Protein backbone atom coordinates (compact mmCIF):
# COMPACT_ATOMS: atom_id res chain seq x y z
CA MET A 1 -126.28 -246.26 -79.57
CA SER A 2 -124.12 -245.90 -76.48
CA TRP A 3 -125.56 -245.58 -72.97
CA ALA A 4 -124.20 -242.01 -72.67
CA ARG A 5 -125.89 -240.89 -75.92
CA ARG A 6 -129.20 -242.46 -74.88
CA THR A 7 -128.96 -240.68 -71.52
CA ARG A 8 -128.32 -237.28 -73.16
CA ARG A 9 -131.17 -237.80 -75.63
CA ALA A 10 -133.54 -238.78 -72.82
CA ALA A 11 -132.54 -235.69 -70.85
CA ARG A 12 -133.26 -233.43 -73.83
CA ALA A 13 -136.63 -235.07 -74.44
CA SER A 14 -137.60 -234.74 -70.77
CA ARG A 15 -137.09 -230.97 -70.92
CA CYS A 16 -139.42 -230.67 -73.90
CA ARG A 17 -142.07 -232.85 -72.23
CA ALA A 18 -141.81 -230.63 -69.13
CA GLY A 19 -142.54 -227.50 -71.18
CA LEU A 20 -138.91 -226.40 -71.22
CA SER A 21 -138.32 -226.69 -74.96
CA LEU A 22 -136.67 -223.26 -74.89
CA HIS A 23 -133.87 -224.83 -72.87
CA CYS A 24 -133.38 -227.87 -75.07
CA PRO A 25 -129.67 -228.18 -75.99
CA ASN A 26 -130.75 -228.55 -79.63
CA ALA A 27 -132.98 -225.45 -79.66
CA THR A 28 -132.24 -222.80 -82.29
CA THR A 29 -133.08 -219.10 -82.32
CA LEU A 30 -134.27 -217.25 -85.42
CA GLY A 31 -131.54 -214.87 -86.56
CA LEU A 32 -129.30 -215.55 -83.57
CA ASP A 33 -128.39 -219.17 -83.06
CA ARG A 34 -127.99 -221.68 -85.92
CA ARG A 35 -131.02 -220.37 -87.87
CA ASP A 36 -131.07 -217.61 -90.49
CA GLY A 37 -133.13 -214.54 -89.63
CA CYS A 38 -135.86 -212.82 -91.60
CA PHE A 39 -133.42 -210.70 -93.61
CA ALA A 40 -132.06 -213.83 -95.27
CA GLN A 41 -133.21 -214.59 -98.81
CA ARG A 42 -134.83 -217.74 -97.44
CA PHE A 43 -135.35 -218.96 -93.90
CA THR A 44 -137.21 -221.79 -92.21
CA ILE A 45 -139.09 -221.98 -88.94
CA PRO A 46 -140.79 -224.97 -87.28
CA ALA A 47 -144.56 -225.02 -87.77
CA SER A 48 -144.93 -225.53 -84.00
CA SER A 49 -143.43 -222.05 -83.50
CA LEU A 50 -146.12 -220.33 -85.59
CA VAL A 51 -149.12 -218.54 -84.08
CA PRO A 52 -152.14 -217.54 -86.19
CA VAL A 53 -152.82 -213.81 -86.40
CA PRO A 54 -156.53 -212.92 -86.26
CA ASP A 55 -157.89 -211.02 -89.27
CA ALA A 56 -158.88 -208.18 -86.93
CA LEU A 57 -155.25 -207.65 -85.86
CA ASP A 58 -153.48 -205.33 -88.29
CA ASP A 59 -149.84 -205.78 -89.25
CA GLU A 60 -148.63 -202.65 -87.43
CA ARG A 61 -149.73 -204.13 -84.11
CA ALA A 62 -148.92 -207.73 -84.90
CA VAL A 63 -145.21 -207.03 -85.44
CA PHE A 64 -144.95 -206.24 -81.73
CA ALA A 65 -145.98 -209.78 -80.72
CA SER A 66 -142.41 -210.92 -80.12
CA SER A 67 -141.43 -207.94 -77.94
CA LEU A 68 -144.67 -208.02 -75.97
CA GLY A 69 -144.41 -211.79 -75.62
CA ARG A 70 -141.01 -211.42 -73.99
CA VAL A 71 -142.46 -209.08 -71.37
CA LEU A 72 -145.44 -211.35 -70.69
CA HIS A 73 -143.13 -214.33 -70.29
CA ALA A 74 -141.05 -212.43 -67.74
CA ALA A 75 -144.15 -211.27 -65.85
CA ARG A 76 -145.24 -214.90 -65.46
CA MET A 77 -142.16 -215.59 -63.36
CA LEU A 78 -143.24 -213.15 -60.67
CA ARG A 79 -145.73 -213.59 -57.87
CA LEU A 80 -147.19 -210.19 -57.02
CA GLU A 81 -148.82 -209.73 -53.64
CA GLY A 82 -150.68 -206.55 -52.71
CA LYS A 83 -149.52 -203.26 -54.15
CA THR A 84 -146.14 -204.16 -55.58
CA TYR A 85 -143.55 -201.44 -56.22
CA VAL A 86 -141.87 -201.97 -59.58
CA SER A 87 -139.05 -200.06 -61.25
CA ILE A 88 -138.20 -200.60 -64.89
CA LEU A 89 -134.79 -199.60 -66.21
CA GLY A 90 -134.69 -198.66 -69.87
CA ASP A 91 -136.94 -196.55 -72.12
CA GLY A 92 -136.63 -198.71 -75.23
CA PRO A 93 -139.52 -200.80 -76.62
CA ILE A 94 -139.12 -203.63 -74.10
CA GLY A 95 -139.01 -201.23 -71.14
CA LEU A 96 -142.01 -199.24 -72.38
CA LEU A 97 -144.02 -202.42 -72.91
CA ALA A 98 -143.01 -203.73 -69.49
CA ALA A 99 -144.25 -200.48 -67.92
CA GLN A 100 -147.69 -200.97 -69.46
CA VAL A 101 -147.93 -204.67 -68.64
CA MET A 102 -146.87 -204.33 -65.02
CA ALA A 103 -149.12 -201.29 -64.45
CA LYS A 104 -152.09 -203.52 -65.29
CA ARG A 105 -151.02 -206.11 -62.71
CA ASN A 106 -151.84 -204.10 -59.60
CA ALA A 107 -148.35 -202.68 -59.46
CA SER A 108 -147.08 -199.18 -58.68
CA VAL A 109 -144.74 -198.72 -61.64
CA ARG A 110 -142.08 -196.18 -62.50
CA LEU A 111 -139.93 -196.14 -65.60
CA LEU A 112 -136.34 -194.92 -65.37
CA GLY A 113 -134.54 -193.94 -68.55
CA THR A 114 -132.36 -191.47 -70.36
CA ASN A 115 -134.44 -190.29 -73.35
CA ALA A 116 -136.90 -187.54 -72.41
CA ALA A 117 -139.18 -188.08 -75.42
CA ASN A 118 -139.48 -191.81 -74.75
CA LEU A 119 -140.11 -191.24 -71.06
CA GLU A 120 -142.89 -188.79 -71.88
CA LEU A 121 -144.86 -191.60 -73.53
CA CYS A 122 -145.56 -192.86 -70.01
CA THR A 123 -147.71 -189.79 -69.33
CA LYS A 124 -150.54 -191.05 -71.55
CA TRP A 125 -150.46 -194.42 -69.79
CA GLY A 126 -150.50 -192.95 -66.29
CA VAL A 127 -147.08 -194.43 -65.48
CA LYS A 128 -144.61 -192.49 -63.36
CA HIS A 129 -141.25 -191.80 -64.95
CA ARG A 130 -138.03 -189.95 -64.30
CA ALA A 131 -134.46 -189.65 -65.50
CA GLN A 132 -132.38 -192.62 -64.41
CA HIS A 133 -129.57 -190.49 -62.95
CA GLU A 134 -132.03 -188.75 -60.58
CA VAL A 135 -133.21 -191.86 -58.77
CA GLY A 136 -132.16 -192.57 -55.20
CA ARG A 137 -130.85 -195.99 -54.25
CA ARG A 138 -133.05 -196.63 -51.24
CA GLN A 139 -133.60 -200.38 -51.69
CA ASP A 140 -137.37 -199.92 -51.53
CA GLN A 141 -138.58 -201.63 -54.72
CA ASP A 142 -140.20 -205.05 -54.70
CA VAL A 143 -139.29 -205.81 -58.32
CA VAL A 144 -136.79 -204.25 -60.72
CA PHE A 145 -136.73 -205.04 -64.44
CA ASP A 146 -133.43 -204.36 -66.21
CA CYS A 147 -134.28 -203.83 -69.88
CA THR A 148 -130.94 -202.31 -70.90
CA GLY A 149 -128.32 -204.91 -70.00
CA THR A 150 -125.38 -202.60 -69.24
CA ASP A 151 -122.94 -203.07 -66.37
CA GLU A 152 -124.31 -199.93 -64.75
CA SER A 153 -127.96 -200.94 -65.06
CA VAL A 154 -127.42 -204.35 -63.46
CA ASP A 155 -125.67 -202.70 -60.51
CA LEU A 156 -128.46 -200.12 -60.28
CA ALA A 157 -131.16 -202.78 -60.34
CA ILE A 158 -129.56 -204.62 -57.44
CA SER A 159 -129.16 -201.39 -55.47
CA LEU A 160 -132.83 -200.43 -55.93
CA VAL A 161 -134.53 -203.66 -54.87
CA ARG A 162 -135.46 -204.38 -51.27
CA PRO A 163 -134.13 -207.39 -49.33
CA ARG A 164 -135.79 -210.56 -50.65
CA GLY A 165 -137.00 -208.61 -53.66
CA SER A 166 -136.74 -209.71 -57.29
CA VAL A 167 -134.56 -208.55 -60.17
CA VAL A 168 -135.52 -209.55 -63.71
CA LEU A 169 -132.75 -209.37 -66.33
CA MET A 170 -134.33 -208.88 -69.78
CA ARG A 171 -131.18 -208.10 -71.76
CA THR A 172 -127.90 -209.97 -71.85
CA PRO A 173 -125.04 -207.92 -70.35
CA ARG A 174 -121.78 -207.69 -72.24
CA GLU A 175 -119.48 -210.66 -71.85
CA THR A 176 -117.13 -208.48 -69.80
CA ALA A 177 -119.86 -207.63 -67.27
CA THR A 178 -119.30 -208.84 -63.71
CA ILE A 179 -122.07 -209.25 -61.16
CA SER A 180 -120.93 -209.42 -57.57
CA PRO A 181 -122.88 -212.06 -55.63
CA ALA A 182 -122.19 -210.35 -52.29
CA SER A 183 -125.30 -208.14 -52.23
CA ILE A 184 -127.43 -210.88 -53.79
CA ILE A 185 -126.48 -213.23 -50.97
CA ARG A 186 -126.59 -210.59 -48.24
CA ASP A 187 -130.07 -209.33 -49.17
CA GLU A 188 -131.37 -212.76 -50.27
CA LEU A 189 -132.43 -211.46 -53.67
CA GLN A 190 -134.14 -213.45 -56.38
CA VAL A 191 -132.51 -212.83 -59.76
CA PHE A 192 -134.40 -214.08 -62.81
CA GLY A 193 -133.01 -214.31 -66.30
CA SER A 194 -135.68 -214.07 -68.98
CA ARG A 195 -135.39 -214.75 -72.70
CA GLY A 196 -138.57 -216.69 -73.52
CA CYS A 197 -141.61 -215.39 -75.37
CA ALA A 198 -145.32 -215.95 -74.68
CA ILE A 199 -146.16 -215.05 -78.26
CA GLY A 200 -149.63 -216.61 -78.32
CA GLU A 201 -150.66 -214.58 -75.28
CA ALA A 202 -149.12 -211.49 -76.84
CA VAL A 203 -151.18 -211.88 -80.02
CA ALA A 204 -154.34 -212.11 -77.91
CA GLU A 205 -153.40 -208.98 -75.94
CA LEU A 206 -152.69 -207.06 -79.14
CA ALA A 207 -155.91 -208.18 -80.78
CA ALA A 208 -157.82 -206.93 -77.74
CA GLU A 209 -155.85 -203.63 -77.89
CA ARG A 210 -154.94 -203.89 -74.21
CA VAL A 211 -151.44 -202.51 -74.85
CA ASP A 212 -150.52 -199.35 -76.76
CA VAL A 213 -147.88 -200.27 -79.32
CA LEU A 214 -148.61 -197.75 -82.07
CA SER A 215 -146.97 -195.03 -79.95
CA LEU A 216 -143.72 -197.00 -80.17
CA ILE A 217 -143.45 -196.69 -83.95
CA ALA A 218 -140.76 -194.14 -84.75
CA ARG A 219 -140.80 -194.36 -88.55
CA ARG A 220 -142.47 -196.25 -91.40
CA LEU A 221 -140.30 -196.97 -94.45
CA ARG A 222 -140.54 -198.99 -97.65
CA PHE A 223 -138.78 -202.33 -97.76
CA ASP A 224 -136.35 -200.97 -100.35
CA ASP A 225 -135.22 -198.45 -97.74
CA GLY A 226 -133.87 -201.25 -95.54
CA PRO A 227 -130.29 -199.89 -95.37
CA GLN A 228 -131.64 -196.48 -94.35
CA ALA A 229 -133.77 -198.16 -91.67
CA LEU A 230 -130.74 -199.92 -90.21
CA VAL A 231 -128.88 -196.63 -89.94
CA ALA A 232 -131.88 -194.91 -88.33
CA ALA A 233 -132.28 -197.77 -85.84
CA ARG A 234 -128.83 -196.98 -84.42
CA GLU A 235 -129.80 -193.44 -83.50
CA PRO A 236 -130.06 -192.97 -79.72
CA GLY A 237 -133.62 -193.15 -78.43
CA THR A 238 -135.08 -194.63 -81.64
CA LEU A 239 -137.95 -197.01 -80.96
CA LYS A 240 -139.47 -199.30 -83.62
CA ILE A 241 -138.98 -198.75 -87.35
CA LEU A 242 -141.41 -200.61 -89.62
CA LEU A 243 -140.65 -201.73 -93.15
CA ASP A 244 -143.58 -202.09 -95.54
CA ALA A 245 -142.93 -205.10 -97.76
CA ALA A 246 -146.05 -204.58 -99.88
């Protein structure tokens, strides 16, 4: 084996030993990167990626472990001091879960979105909400989560956060998106990208019923209705659609 190959292999191994296996150059992603997803006739997944689901945790809640785990992973990146002001952009499942999680972390949270019905879910959780186009850009937020990933939402996130505040990007913008570094440098912002998943922690949170996920279920369909479910999932404002494989 050449010196260069040994060096690359050692570098990859050091990331895994440091707890950065997500960033290993050889890492694969279920359904996205070099690994078939769950709609394939057969798929494989490393045993190390599996998390046991307690008997007390029903399937309807358990299926939210991945989405909730993504939010919990992102929240770990932040250091909250005092009463932190947090804005969350996006009223999809990730945004609605982020609103609940951050509200429990001594944060003053508001959710900004475009779908009135989805925004209204925040009322039962005691989370402030308003239409995204109504918000003023006063640079007074300590943390802004962008859970939509559009060009406009990234610009809005940067315009809402205070100097030396934090922006967390939860969705990948389109390849054509451009982010100007000028305001990031000028206001000394921290910009975090987040794609990991604290799935074990998410299962524990769901088992303890600390997060309301049942309100995010839009429809329940039989597995044979899969094509219909895919069509329904494209409808604006649709949250989670569950397929019963029984």
